[in-house]
All heavy atoms as atom14 arrays in JSON, in Angstrom:
{
  "sequence": "LLVCALLAALVIAGQLLGISPVAGIVISLLASLLIGLE",
  "atom14_mask": [
    [1, 1, 1, 1, 1, 1, 1, 1, 0, 0, 0, 0, 0, 0],
    [1, 1, 1, 1, 1, 1, 1, 1, 0, 0, 0, 0, 0, 0],
    [1, 1, 1, 1, 1, 1, 1, 0, 0, 0, 0, 0, 0, 0],
    [1, 1, 1, 1, 1, 1, 0, 0, 0, 0, 0, 0, 0, 0],
    [1, 1, 1, 1, 1, 0, 0, 0, 0, 0, 0, 0, 0, 0],
    [1, 1, 1, 1, 1, 1, 1, 1, 0, 0, 0, 0, 0, 0],
    [1, 1, 1, 1, 1, 1, 1, 1, 0, 0, 0, 0, 0, 0],
    [1, 1, 1, 1, 1, 0, 0, 0, 0, 0, 0, 0, 0, 0],
    [1, 1, 1, 1, 1, 0, 0, 0, 0, 0, 0, 0, 0, 0],
    [1, 1, 1, 1, 1, 1, 1, 1, 0, 0, 0, 0, 0, 0],
    [1, 1, 1, 1, 1, 1, 1, 0, 0, 0, 0, 0, 0, 0],
    [1, 1, 1, 1, 1, 1, 1, 1, 0, 0, 0, 0, 0, 0],
    [1, 1, 1, 1, 1, 0, 0, 0, 0, 0, 0, 0, 0, 0],
    [1, 1, 1, 1, 0, 0, 0, 0, 0, 0, 0, 0, 0, 0],
    [1, 1, 1, 1, 1, 1, 1, 1, 1, 0, 0, 0, 0, 0],
    [1, 1, 1, 1, 1, 1, 1, 1, 0, 0, 0, 0, 0, 0],
    [1, 1, 1, 1, 1, 1, 1, 1, 0, 0, 0, 0, 0, 0],
    [1, 1, 1, 1, 0, 0, 0, 0, 0, 0, 0, 0, 0, 0],
    [1, 1, 1, 1, 1, 1, 1, 1, 0, 0, 0, 0, 0, 0],
    [1, 1, 1, 1, 1, 1, 0, 0, 0, 0, 0, 0, 0, 0],
    [1, 1, 1, 1, 1, 1, 1, 0, 0, 0, 0, 0, 0, 0],
    [1, 1, 1, 1, 1, 1, 1, 0, 0, 0, 0, 0, 0, 0],
    [1, 1, 1, 1, 1, 0, 0, 0, 0, 0, 0, 0, 0, 0],
    [1, 1, 1, 1, 0, 0, 0, 0, 0, 0, 0, 0, 0, 0],
    [1, 1, 1, 1, 1, 1, 1, 1, 0, 0, 0, 0, 0, 0],
    [1, 1, 1, 1, 1, 1, 1, 0, 0, 0, 0, 0, 0, 0],
    [1, 1, 1, 1, 1, 1, 1, 1, 0, 0, 0, 0, 0, 0],
    [1, 1, 1, 1, 1, 1, 0, 0, 0, 0, 0, 0, 0, 0],
    [1, 1, 1, 1, 1, 1, 1, 1, 0, 0, 0, 0, 0, 0],
    [1, 1, 1, 1, 1, 1, 1, 1, 0, 0, 0, 0, 0, 0],
    [1, 1, 1, 1, 1, 0, 0, 0, 0, 0, 0, 0, 0, 0],
    [1, 1, 1, 1, 1, 1, 0, 0, 0, 0, 0, 0, 0, 0],
    [1, 1, 1, 1, 1, 1, 1, 1, 0, 0, 0, 0, 0, 0],
    [1, 1, 1, 1, 1, 1, 1, 1, 0, 0, 0, 0, 0, 0],
    [1, 1, 1, 1, 1, 1, 1, 1, 0, 0, 0, 0, 0, 0],
    [1, 1, 1, 1, 0, 0, 0, 0, 0, 0, 0, 0, 0, 0],
    [1, 1, 1, 1, 1, 1, 1, 1, 0, 0, 0, 0, 0, 0],
    [1, 1, 1, 1, 1, 1, 1, 1, 1, 0, 0, 0, 0, 0]
  ],
  "atom14_positions": [
    [[-64.36, 83.6, 2.19], [-63.13, 84.04, 1.52], [-62.76, 85.45, 1.97], [-61.59, 85.73, 2.26], [-63.32, 84.0, 0.0], [-62.11, 84.36, -0.84], [-61.0, 83.33, -0.64], [-62.51, 84.44, -2.3], [0.0, 0.0, 0.0], [0.0, 0.0, 0.0], [0.0, 0.0, 0.0], [0.0, 0.0, 0.0], [0.0, 0.0, 0.0], [0.0, 0.0, 0.0]],
    [[-63.76, 86.34, 2.07], [-63.49, 87.71, 2.51], [-63.01, 87.77, 3.96], [-62.07, 88.5, 4.28], [-64.74, 88.57, 2.34], [-65.17, 88.87, 0.91], [-66.52, 89.57, 0.9], [-64.12, 89.68, 0.21], [0.0, 0.0, 0.0], [0.0, 0.0, 0.0], [0.0, 0.0, 0.0], [0.0, 0.0, 0.0], [0.0, 0.0, 0.0], [0.0, 0.0, 0.0]],
    [[-63.62, 86.98, 4.82], [-63.21, 86.95, 6.24], [-61.81, 86.37, 6.37], [-60.98, 86.88, 7.13], [-64.24, 86.17, 7.08], [-63.72, 85.87, 8.47], [-65.53, 86.95, 7.17], [0.0, 0.0, 0.0], [0.0, 0.0, 0.0], [0.0, 0.0, 0.0], [0.0, 0.0, 0.0], [0.0, 0.0, 0.0], [0.0, 0.0, 0.0], [0.0, 0.0, 0.0]],
    [[-61.53, 85.32, 5.61], [-60.2, 84.71, 5.65], [-59.14, 85.72, 5.17], [-58.07, 85.83, 5.78], [-60.18, 83.45, 4.79], [-58.67, 82.5, 4.92], [0.0, 0.0, 0.0], [0.0, 0.0, 0.0], [0.0, 0.0, 0.0], [0.0, 0.0, 0.0], [0.0, 0.0, 0.0], [0.0, 0.0, 0.0], [0.0, 0.0, 0.0], [0.0, 0.0, 0.0]],
    [[-59.47, 86.45, 4.11], [-58.53, 87.47, 3.6], [-58.34, 88.59, 4.63], [-57.22, 89.07, 4.82], [-59.05, 88.03, 2.28], [0.0, 0.0, 0.0], [0.0, 0.0, 0.0], [0.0, 0.0, 0.0], [0.0, 0.0, 0.0], [0.0, 0.0, 0.0], [0.0, 0.0, 0.0], [0.0, 0.0, 0.0], [0.0, 0.0, 0.0], [0.0, 0.0, 0.0]],
    [[-59.43, 89.0, 5.3], [-59.32, 90.04, 6.33], [-58.43, 89.59, 7.48], [-57.56, 90.33, 7.92], [-60.71, 90.39, 6.85], [-60.74, 91.28, 8.09], [-60.46, 92.72, 7.72], [-62.04, 91.14, 8.83], [0.0, 0.0, 0.0], [0.0, 0.0, 0.0], [0.0, 0.0, 0.0], [0.0, 0.0, 0.0], [0.0, 0.0, 0.0], [0.0, 0.0, 0.0]],
    [[-58.63, 88.37, 7.95], [-57.82, 87.86, 9.06], [-56.37, 87.69, 8.66], [-55.46, 88.0, 9.45], [-58.4, 86.55, 9.58], [-59.79, 86.65, 10.22], [-60.32, 85.27, 10.59], [-59.76, 87.56, 11.43], [0.0, 0.0, 0.0], [0.0, 0.0, 0.0], [0.0, 0.0, 0.0], [0.0, 0.0, 0.0], [0.0, 0.0, 0.0], [0.0, 0.0, 0.0]],
    [[-56.12, 87.23, 7.44], [-54.74, 87.09, 6.96], [-54.07, 88.46, 6.83], [-52.9, 88.63, 7.19], [-54.72, 86.35, 5.62], [0.0, 0.0, 0.0], [0.0, 0.0, 0.0], [0.0, 0.0, 0.0], [0.0, 0.0, 0.0], [0.0, 0.0, 0.0], [0.0, 0.0, 0.0], [0.0, 0.0, 0.0], [0.0, 0.0, 0.0], [0.0, 0.0, 0.0]],
    [[-54.83, 89.45, 6.35], [-54.28, 90.8, 6.22], [-53.95, 91.38, 7.59], [-52.94, 92.08, 7.74], [-55.28, 91.7, 5.48], [0.0, 0.0, 0.0], [0.0, 0.0, 0.0], [0.0, 0.0, 0.0], [0.0, 0.0, 0.0], [0.0, 0.0, 0.0], [0.0, 0.0, 0.0], [0.0, 0.0, 0.0], [0.0, 0.0, 0.0], [0.0, 0.0, 0.0]],
    [[-54.76, 91.09, 8.6], [-54.47, 91.57, 9.95], [-53.19, 90.95, 10.5], [-52.37, 91.63, 11.13], [-55.64, 91.26, 10.89], [-56.87, 92.16, 10.75], [-57.98, 91.66, 11.65], [-56.51, 93.59, 11.07], [0.0, 0.0, 0.0], [0.0, 0.0, 0.0], [0.0, 0.0, 0.0], [0.0, 0.0, 0.0], [0.0, 0.0, 0.0], [0.0, 0.0, 0.0]],
    [[-53.0, 89.65, 10.24], [-51.79, 88.97, 10.71], [-50.55, 89.55, 10.02], [-49.54, 89.84, 10.67], [-51.9, 87.45, 10.48], [-50.56, 86.76, 10.7], [-52.96, 86.85, 11.39], [0.0, 0.0, 0.0], [0.0, 0.0, 0.0], [0.0, 0.0, 0.0], [0.0, 0.0, 0.0], [0.0, 0.0, 0.0], [0.0, 0.0, 0.0], [0.0, 0.0, 0.0]],
    [[-50.63, 89.71, 8.7], [-49.49, 90.23, 7.95], [-49.18, 91.67, 8.36], [-48.01, 92.03, 8.57], [-49.76, 90.13, 6.43], [-49.77, 88.66, 6.03], [-48.72, 90.9, 5.63], [-50.25, 88.4, 4.62], [0.0, 0.0, 0.0], [0.0, 0.0, 0.0], [0.0, 0.0, 0.0], [0.0, 0.0, 0.0], [0.0, 0.0, 0.0], [0.0, 0.0, 0.0]],
    [[-50.22, 92.48, 8.52], [-50.01, 93.87, 8.94], [-49.41, 93.93, 10.34], [-48.53, 94.76, 10.61], [-51.32, 94.64, 8.9], [0.0, 0.0, 0.0], [0.0, 0.0, 0.0], [0.0, 0.0, 0.0], [0.0, 0.0, 0.0], [0.0, 0.0, 0.0], [0.0, 0.0, 0.0], [0.0, 0.0, 0.0], [0.0, 0.0, 0.0], [0.0, 0.0, 0.0]],
    [[-49.85, 93.05, 11.21], [-49.29, 93.01, 12.57], [-47.83, 92.64, 12.57], [-47.03, 93.2, 13.34], [0.0, 0.0, 0.0], [0.0, 0.0, 0.0], [0.0, 0.0, 0.0], [0.0, 0.0, 0.0], [0.0, 0.0, 0.0], [0.0, 0.0, 0.0], [0.0, 0.0, 0.0], [0.0, 0.0, 0.0], [0.0, 0.0, 0.0], [0.0, 0.0, 0.0]],
    [[-47.45, 91.69, 11.72], [-46.04, 91.29, 11.66], [-45.18, 92.38, 11.03], [-44.05, 92.62, 11.47], [-45.9, 89.99, 10.89], [-46.4, 88.79, 11.67], [-46.23, 87.49, 10.89], [-45.89, 87.49, 9.72], [-46.49, 86.39, 11.58], [0.0, 0.0, 0.0], [0.0, 0.0, 0.0], [0.0, 0.0, 0.0], [0.0, 0.0, 0.0], [0.0, 0.0, 0.0]],
    [[-45.71, 93.03, 9.98], [-44.93, 94.09, 9.33], [-44.75, 95.3, 10.24], [-43.71, 95.96, 10.2], [-45.61, 94.51, 8.03], [-45.57, 93.5, 6.88], [-46.36, 94.01, 5.69], [-44.13, 93.23, 6.48], [0.0, 0.0, 0.0], [0.0, 0.0, 0.0], [0.0, 0.0, 0.0], [0.0, 0.0, 0.0], [0.0, 0.0, 0.0], [0.0, 0.0, 0.0]],
    [[-45.76, 95.6, 11.04], [-45.66, 96.74, 11.94], [-44.94, 96.42, 13.24], [-44.6, 97.32, 14.0], [-47.07, 97.29, 12.25], [-47.82, 97.88, 11.06], [-49.24, 98.23, 11.46], [-47.08, 99.1, 10.54], [0.0, 0.0, 0.0], [0.0, 0.0, 0.0], [0.0, 0.0, 0.0], [0.0, 0.0, 0.0], [0.0, 0.0, 0.0], [0.0, 0.0, 0.0]],
    [[-44.73, 95.14, 13.5], [-44.02, 94.71, 14.7], [-44.79, 94.99, 15.99], [-44.19, 95.41, 16.98], [0.0, 0.0, 0.0], [0.0, 0.0, 0.0], [0.0, 0.0, 0.0], [0.0, 0.0, 0.0], [0.0, 0.0, 0.0], [0.0, 0.0, 0.0], [0.0, 0.0, 0.0], [0.0, 0.0, 0.0], [0.0, 0.0, 0.0], [0.0, 0.0, 0.0]],
    [[-46.08, 94.78, 15.98], [-46.87, 95.03, 17.19], [-46.64, 93.92, 18.2], [-46.24, 92.8, 17.86], [-48.37, 95.18, 16.87], [-48.94, 93.91, 16.26], [-48.64, 96.35, 15.95], [-50.42, 93.91, 16.11], [0.0, 0.0, 0.0], [0.0, 0.0, 0.0], [0.0, 0.0, 0.0], [0.0, 0.0, 0.0], [0.0, 0.0, 0.0], [0.0, 0.0, 0.0]],
    [[-46.92, 94.22, 19.44], [-46.68, 93.24, 20.51], [-47.74, 92.14, 20.44], [-48.82, 92.33, 19.88], [-46.75, 93.94, 21.87], [-48.08, 94.34, 22.14], [0.0, 0.0, 0.0], [0.0, 0.0, 0.0], [0.0, 0.0, 0.0], [0.0, 0.0, 0.0], [0.0, 0.0, 0.0], [0.0, 0.0, 0.0], [0.0, 0.0, 0.0], [0.0, 0.0, 0.0]],
    [[-47.44, 90.97, 21.02], [-48.41, 89.87, 21.01], [-49.73, 90.22, 21.71], [-50.79, 89.78, 21.28], [-47.69, 88.75, 21.75], [-46.24, 89.04, 21.59], [-46.15, 90.53, 21.54], [0.0, 0.0, 0.0], [0.0, 0.0, 0.0], [0.0, 0.0, 0.0], [0.0, 0.0, 0.0], [0.0, 0.0, 0.0], [0.0, 0.0, 0.0], [0.0, 0.0, 0.0]],
    [[-49.67, 91.03, 22.76], [-50.9, 91.42, 23.46], [-51.78, 92.27, 22.54], [-53.0, 92.07, 22.47], [-50.56, 92.17, 24.76], [-51.81, 92.72, 25.42], [-49.81, 91.27, 25.71], [0.0, 0.0, 0.0], [0.0, 0.0, 0.0], [0.0, 0.0, 0.0], [0.0, 0.0, 0.0], [0.0, 0.0, 0.0], [0.0, 0.0, 0.0], [0.0, 0.0, 0.0]],
    [[-51.17, 93.21, 21.83], [-51.92, 94.04, 20.89], [-52.49, 93.18, 19.76], [-53.61, 93.42, 19.3], [-51.03, 95.14, 20.33], [0.0, 0.0, 0.0], [0.0, 0.0, 0.0], [0.0, 0.0, 0.0], [0.0, 0.0, 0.0], [0.0, 0.0, 0.0], [0.0, 0.0, 0.0], [0.0, 0.0, 0.0], [0.0, 0.0, 0.0], [0.0, 0.0, 0.0]],
    [[-51.74, 92.17, 19.31], [-52.24, 91.26, 18.28], [-53.46, 90.49, 18.75], [-54.41, 90.3, 17.98], [0.0, 0.0, 0.0], [0.0, 0.0, 0.0], [0.0, 0.0, 0.0], [0.0, 0.0, 0.0], [0.0, 0.0, 0.0], [0.0, 0.0, 0.0], [0.0, 0.0, 0.0], [0.0, 0.0, 0.0], [0.0, 0.0, 0.0], [0.0, 0.0, 0.0]],
    [[-53.43, 90.05, 20.01], [-54.57, 89.33, 20.56], [-55.78, 90.25, 20.65], [-56.91, 89.86, 20.31], [-54.21, 88.72, 21.93], [-53.22, 87.58, 21.74], [-55.46, 88.23, 22.66], [-52.65, 87.03, 23.03], [0.0, 0.0, 0.0], [0.0, 0.0, 0.0], [0.0, 0.0, 0.0], [0.0, 0.0, 0.0], [0.0, 0.0, 0.0], [0.0, 0.0, 0.0]],
    [[-55.58, 91.48, 21.09], [-56.68, 92.44, 21.2], [-57.27, 92.73, 19.81], [-58.49, 92.76, 19.64], [-56.22, 93.74, 21.89], [-57.26, 94.84, 21.78], [-55.88, 93.46, 23.34], [0.0, 0.0, 0.0], [0.0, 0.0, 0.0], [0.0, 0.0, 0.0], [0.0, 0.0, 0.0], [0.0, 0.0, 0.0], [0.0, 0.0, 0.0], [0.0, 0.0, 0.0]],
    [[-56.42, 92.92, 18.83], [-56.89, 93.18, 17.47], [-57.65, 91.99, 16.92], [-58.72, 92.15, 16.3], [-55.71, 93.56, 16.56], [-55.18, 94.94, 16.95], [-56.12, 93.56, 15.09], [-53.89, 95.32, 16.27], [0.0, 0.0, 0.0], [0.0, 0.0, 0.0], [0.0, 0.0, 0.0], [0.0, 0.0, 0.0], [0.0, 0.0, 0.0], [0.0, 0.0, 0.0]],
    [[-57.17, 90.77, 17.15], [-57.89, 89.59, 16.66], [-59.22, 89.4, 17.38], [-60.21, 88.98, 16.77], [-57.02, 88.34, 16.77], [-56.77, 88.04, 18.12], [0.0, 0.0, 0.0], [0.0, 0.0, 0.0], [0.0, 0.0, 0.0], [0.0, 0.0, 0.0], [0.0, 0.0, 0.0], [0.0, 0.0, 0.0], [0.0, 0.0, 0.0], [0.0, 0.0, 0.0]],
    [[-59.28, 89.73, 18.67], [-60.56, 89.66, 19.39], [-61.55, 90.69, 18.86], [-62.74, 90.4, 18.73], [-60.34, 89.85, 20.89], [-59.83, 88.62, 21.64], [-59.55, 88.99, 23.1], [-60.81, 87.48, 21.56], [0.0, 0.0, 0.0], [0.0, 0.0, 0.0], [0.0, 0.0, 0.0], [0.0, 0.0, 0.0], [0.0, 0.0, 0.0], [0.0, 0.0, 0.0]],
    [[-61.06, 91.89, 18.56], [-61.94, 92.91, 17.99], [-62.44, 92.51, 16.6], [-63.6, 92.74, 16.25], [-61.23, 94.26, 17.94], [-60.99, 94.94, 19.29], [-60.15, 96.19, 19.11], [-62.32, 95.26, 19.95], [0.0, 0.0, 0.0], [0.0, 0.0, 0.0], [0.0, 0.0, 0.0], [0.0, 0.0, 0.0], [0.0, 0.0, 0.0], [0.0, 0.0, 0.0]],
    [[-61.56, 91.89, 15.81], [-61.99, 91.41, 14.49], [-63.02, 90.3, 14.64], [-64.02, 90.26, 13.9], [-60.78, 90.91, 13.7], [0.0, 0.0, 0.0], [0.0, 0.0, 0.0], [0.0, 0.0, 0.0], [0.0, 0.0, 0.0], [0.0, 0.0, 0.0], [0.0, 0.0, 0.0], [0.0, 0.0, 0.0], [0.0, 0.0, 0.0], [0.0, 0.0, 0.0]],
    [[-62.83, 89.4, 15.59], [-63.81, 88.33, 15.83], [-65.13, 88.9, 16.33], [-66.19, 88.4, 15.99], [-63.26, 87.33, 16.84], [-62.16, 86.65, 16.32], [0.0, 0.0, 0.0], [0.0, 0.0, 0.0], [0.0, 0.0, 0.0], [0.0, 0.0, 0.0], [0.0, 0.0, 0.0], [0.0, 0.0, 0.0], [0.0, 0.0, 0.0], [0.0, 0.0, 0.0]],
    [[-65.06, 89.95, 17.13], [-66.28, 90.61, 17.6], [-67.04, 91.21, 16.43], [-68.26, 91.07, 16.33], [-65.92, 91.69, 18.62], [-67.09, 92.47, 19.22], [-67.93, 91.55, 20.09], [-66.57, 93.63, 20.03], [0.0, 0.0, 0.0], [0.0, 0.0, 0.0], [0.0, 0.0, 0.0], [0.0, 0.0, 0.0], [0.0, 0.0, 0.0], [0.0, 0.0, 0.0]],
    [[-66.33, 91.86, 15.52], [-66.96, 92.41, 14.32], [-67.59, 91.3, 13.47], [-68.7, 91.45, 12.95], [-65.94, 93.2, 13.5], [-66.44, 93.79, 12.19], [-67.5, 94.84, 12.47], [-65.3, 94.38, 11.41], [0.0, 0.0, 0.0], [0.0, 0.0, 0.0], [0.0, 0.0, 0.0], [0.0, 0.0, 0.0], [0.0, 0.0, 0.0], [0.0, 0.0, 0.0]],
    [[-66.89, 90.19, 13.34], [-67.42, 89.05, 12.57], [-68.69, 88.53, 13.23], [-69.68, 88.24, 12.56], [-66.35, 87.95, 12.44], [-65.23, 88.43, 11.52], [-66.95, 86.66, 11.93], [-63.99, 87.58, 11.56], [0.0, 0.0, 0.0], [0.0, 0.0, 0.0], [0.0, 0.0, 0.0], [0.0, 0.0, 0.0], [0.0, 0.0, 0.0], [0.0, 0.0, 0.0]],
    [[-68.69, 88.39, 14.54], [-69.87, 87.92, 15.25], [-71.05, 88.86, 15.11], [-72.2, 88.44, 15.03], [0.0, 0.0, 0.0], [0.0, 0.0, 0.0], [0.0, 0.0, 0.0], [0.0, 0.0, 0.0], [0.0, 0.0, 0.0], [0.0, 0.0, 0.0], [0.0, 0.0, 0.0], [0.0, 0.0, 0.0], [0.0, 0.0, 0.0], [0.0, 0.0, 0.0]],
    [[-70.78, 90.17, 15.07], [-71.85, 91.15, 14.92], [-72.43, 91.17, 13.51], [-73.63, 91.39, 13.32], [-71.33, 92.55, 15.28], [-71.1, 92.81, 16.76], [-70.35, 94.13, 16.95], [-72.41, 92.82, 17.51], [0.0, 0.0, 0.0], [0.0, 0.0, 0.0], [0.0, 0.0, 0.0], [0.0, 0.0, 0.0], [0.0, 0.0, 0.0], [0.0, 0.0, 0.0]],
    [[-71.6, 90.96, 12.51], [-72.05, 91.1, 11.12], [-72.33, 89.78, 10.42], [-72.71, 89.78, 9.25], [-71.0, 91.89, 10.32], [-70.86, 93.31, 10.78], [-72.15, 94.1, 10.63], [-72.9, 93.87, 9.66], [-72.41, 94.95, 11.49], [0.0, 0.0, 0.0], [0.0, 0.0, 0.0], [0.0, 0.0, 0.0], [0.0, 0.0, 0.0], [0.0, 0.0, 0.0]]
  ]
}
């Protein structure tokens, strides 16, 4: 539930800030890396 909320918050924040798709992919890869580490 916490990971799902974190990923949803990243998507919403990315849309609200209007970041580019490449930056969104990089941010999601970094979040997945953090998930894999922890």
